[in-house]
């Protein structure tokens, strides 16, 4: 299973030749955690027991489209 870690995030920015401070990296990790928590909360509020690619639009909060 693929896991996003700090090394992966740093590598993405390094590939684009962008320097990333430790504080910025911590903010990115925090943002990802909040985003995933929101997705889980949306799934629960929509009574989704198993998130599939077809239901991803609900987890992302895009209620008007099934793309």
N, C-alpha and C. Protein backbone atom coordinates (compact mmCIF):
# COMPACT_ATOMS: atom_id res chain seq x y z
N UNK A 1 0.84 -1.19 0.00
CA UNK A 1 0.00 0.00 0.00
C UNK A 1 0.88 1.24 0.00
N UNK A 2 0.51 2.21 -0.80
CA UNK A 2 1.26 3.46 -0.90
C UNK A 2 0.94 4.35 0.30
N UNK A 3 1.97 4.88 0.90
CA UNK A 3 1.79 5.76 2.04
C UNK A 3 2.52 7.07 1.77
N UNK A 4 1.83 8.16 1.95
CA UNK A 4 2.48 9.46 1.77
C UNK A 4 3.24 9.77 3.05
N UNK A 5 4.52 10.02 2.90
CA UNK A 5 5.32 10.40 4.04
C UNK A 5 6.09 11.67 3.71
N UNK A 6 6.81 12.18 4.67
CA UNK A 6 7.51 13.44 4.48
C UNK A 6 8.56 13.34 3.38
N UNK A 7 9.22 12.20 3.27
CA UNK A 7 10.23 12.02 2.23
C UNK A 7 9.61 12.14 0.84
N UNK A 8 8.43 11.56 0.66
CA UNK A 8 7.73 11.64 -0.63
C UNK A 8 7.40 13.09 -0.97
N UNK A 9 6.87 13.81 0.02
CA UNK A 9 6.50 15.21 -0.20
C UNK A 9 7.73 16.03 -0.55
N UNK A 10 8.81 15.85 0.21
CA UNK A 10 10.05 16.57 -0.08
C UNK A 10 10.56 16.25 -1.48
N UNK A 11 10.46 14.99 -1.87
CA UNK A 11 10.92 14.57 -3.18
C UNK A 11 10.14 15.23 -4.30
N UNK A 12 8.83 15.36 -4.12
CA UNK A 12 8.00 16.03 -5.14
C UNK A 12 8.45 17.47 -5.34
N UNK A 13 8.71 18.17 -4.27
CA UNK A 13 9.16 19.56 -4.38
C UNK A 13 10.58 19.63 -4.92
N UNK A 14 11.43 18.69 -4.52
CA UNK A 14 12.80 18.65 -5.00
C UNK A 14 12.84 18.45 -6.52
N UNK A 15 11.96 17.59 -7.04
CA UNK A 15 11.89 17.36 -8.49
C UNK A 15 11.57 18.64 -9.26
N UNK A 16 10.80 19.50 -8.64
CA UNK A 16 10.44 20.78 -9.27
C UNK A 16 11.42 21.89 -8.90
N UNK A 17 12.50 21.51 -8.22
CA UNK A 17 13.55 22.44 -7.79
C UNK A 17 13.02 23.56 -6.90
N UNK A 18 12.16 23.17 -5.96
CA UNK A 18 11.58 24.12 -5.01
C UNK A 18 12.07 23.73 -3.62
N UNK A 19 12.62 24.70 -2.92
CA UNK A 19 13.06 24.46 -1.55
C UNK A 19 11.85 24.46 -0.63
N UNK A 20 11.85 23.55 0.31
CA UNK A 20 10.71 23.39 1.22
C UNK A 20 11.21 23.46 2.65
N UNK A 21 10.72 24.44 3.39
CA UNK A 21 11.14 24.56 4.79
C UNK A 21 10.46 23.50 5.63
N UNK A 22 11.00 23.25 6.80
CA UNK A 22 10.41 22.28 7.71
C UNK A 22 9.01 22.69 8.14
N UNK A 23 8.82 23.98 8.34
CA UNK A 23 7.50 24.47 8.73
C UNK A 23 6.48 24.28 7.62
N UNK A 24 6.90 24.54 6.37
CA UNK A 24 6.00 24.35 5.24
C UNK A 24 5.63 22.87 5.10
N UNK A 25 6.60 22.00 5.28
CA UNK A 25 6.35 20.56 5.22
C UNK A 25 5.34 20.14 6.28
N UNK A 26 5.50 20.65 7.49
CA UNK A 26 4.55 20.34 8.57
C UNK A 26 3.15 20.83 8.22
N UNK A 27 3.04 22.00 7.59
CA UNK A 27 1.74 22.53 7.18
C UNK A 27 1.08 21.65 6.13
N UNK A 28 1.88 21.14 5.19
CA UNK A 28 1.34 20.25 4.16
C UNK A 28 0.81 18.97 4.79
N UNK A 29 1.57 18.39 5.70
CA UNK A 29 1.14 17.16 6.38
C UNK A 29 -0.14 17.42 7.17
N UNK A 30 -0.20 18.55 7.86
CA UNK A 30 -1.39 18.90 8.62
C UNK A 30 -2.60 19.06 7.70
N UNK A 31 -2.39 19.72 6.57
CA UNK A 31 -3.47 19.91 5.59
C UNK A 31 -3.99 18.56 5.09
N UNK A 32 -3.08 17.65 4.80
CA UNK A 32 -3.49 16.32 4.32
C UNK A 32 -4.31 15.58 5.38
N UNK A 33 -3.88 15.67 6.62
CA UNK A 33 -4.63 15.01 7.71
C UNK A 33 -6.04 15.57 7.83
N UNK A 34 -6.15 16.90 7.77
CA UNK A 34 -7.47 17.55 7.88
C UNK A 34 -8.35 17.14 6.69
N UNK A 35 -7.77 17.11 5.50
CA UNK A 35 -8.53 16.74 4.30
C UNK A 35 -9.06 15.32 4.38
N UNK A 36 -8.22 14.42 4.83
CA UNK A 36 -8.65 13.02 4.96
C UNK A 36 -9.73 12.88 6.02
N UNK A 37 -9.60 13.61 7.12
CA UNK A 37 -10.61 13.57 8.19
C UNK A 37 -11.94 14.08 7.65
N UNK A 38 -11.91 15.17 6.86
CA UNK A 38 -13.14 15.70 6.27
C UNK A 38 -13.80 14.68 5.35
N UNK A 39 -12.97 14.00 4.57
CA UNK A 39 -13.51 12.99 3.66
C UNK A 39 -14.20 11.88 4.45
N UNK A 40 -13.58 11.43 5.53
CA UNK A 40 -14.17 10.38 6.35
C UNK A 40 -15.48 10.85 6.97
N UNK A 41 -15.52 12.10 7.42
CA UNK A 41 -16.74 12.66 8.01
C UNK A 41 -17.85 12.75 6.98
N UNK A 42 -17.51 13.17 5.76
CA UNK A 42 -18.52 13.24 4.69
C UNK A 42 -19.07 11.86 4.36
N UNK A 43 -18.19 10.86 4.36
CA UNK A 43 -18.66 9.49 4.10
C UNK A 43 -19.66 9.06 5.17
N UNK A 44 -19.33 9.34 6.41
CA UNK A 44 -20.24 8.96 7.49
C UNK A 44 -21.57 9.70 7.38
N UNK A 45 -21.52 11.00 7.07
CA UNK A 45 -22.77 11.77 6.99
C UNK A 45 -23.61 11.34 5.79
N UNK A 46 -22.99 10.76 4.76
CA UNK A 46 -23.72 10.25 3.60
C UNK A 46 -24.03 8.76 3.72
N UNK A 47 -23.78 8.21 4.90
CA UNK A 47 -24.07 6.81 5.19
C UNK A 47 -23.33 5.86 4.23
N UNK A 48 -22.10 6.21 3.91
CA UNK A 48 -21.27 5.37 3.05
C UNK A 48 -20.49 4.41 3.94
N UNK A 49 -20.70 3.13 3.75
CA UNK A 49 -20.01 2.12 4.55
C UNK A 49 -18.70 1.69 3.91
N UNK A 50 -18.62 1.80 2.58
CA UNK A 50 -17.41 1.44 1.85
C UNK A 50 -17.19 2.48 0.75
N UNK A 51 -16.07 3.17 0.82
CA UNK A 51 -15.78 4.19 -0.18
C UNK A 51 -15.17 3.53 -1.41
N UNK A 52 -15.83 3.74 -2.54
CA UNK A 52 -15.35 3.23 -3.82
C UNK A 52 -15.04 4.41 -4.73
N UNK A 53 -14.39 4.12 -5.84
CA UNK A 53 -14.07 5.20 -6.78
C UNK A 53 -15.33 5.87 -7.31
N UNK A 54 -16.42 5.11 -7.41
CA UNK A 54 -17.68 5.69 -7.89
C UNK A 54 -18.29 6.66 -6.89
N UNK A 55 -17.98 6.51 -5.62
CA UNK A 55 -18.53 7.38 -4.57
C UNK A 55 -17.56 8.46 -4.12
N UNK A 56 -16.42 8.52 -4.75
CA UNK A 56 -15.38 9.45 -4.33
C UNK A 56 -15.85 10.90 -4.37
N UNK A 57 -16.73 11.24 -5.31
CA UNK A 57 -17.22 12.61 -5.42
C UNK A 57 -17.93 13.03 -4.13
N UNK A 58 -18.56 12.10 -3.44
CA UNK A 58 -19.22 12.44 -2.17
C UNK A 58 -18.19 12.73 -1.09
N UNK A 59 -17.15 11.92 -1.04
CA UNK A 59 -16.10 12.12 -0.04
C UNK A 59 -15.38 13.45 -0.26
N UNK A 60 -15.28 13.85 -1.53
CA UNK A 60 -14.62 15.10 -1.86
C UNK A 60 -15.53 16.31 -1.72
N UNK A 61 -16.82 16.08 -1.47
CA UNK A 61 -17.76 17.18 -1.27
C UNK A 61 -18.33 17.73 -2.55
N UNK A 62 -18.22 16.98 -3.63
CA UNK A 62 -18.75 17.42 -4.94
C UNK A 62 -20.10 16.76 -5.13
N UNK A 63 -21.10 17.27 -4.45
CA UNK A 63 -22.40 16.63 -4.43
C UNK A 63 -23.18 16.77 -5.74
N UNK A 64 -22.85 17.75 -6.55
CA UNK A 64 -23.61 18.00 -7.77
C UNK A 64 -23.17 17.15 -8.95
N UNK A 65 -22.04 16.49 -8.87
CA UNK A 65 -21.54 15.74 -10.03
C UNK A 65 -21.07 14.35 -9.62
N UNK A 66 -21.22 13.44 -10.54
CA UNK A 66 -20.78 12.06 -10.30
C UNK A 66 -19.58 11.76 -11.20
N UNK A 67 -18.60 12.63 -11.21
CA UNK A 67 -17.41 12.47 -12.06
C UNK A 67 -16.25 11.97 -11.25
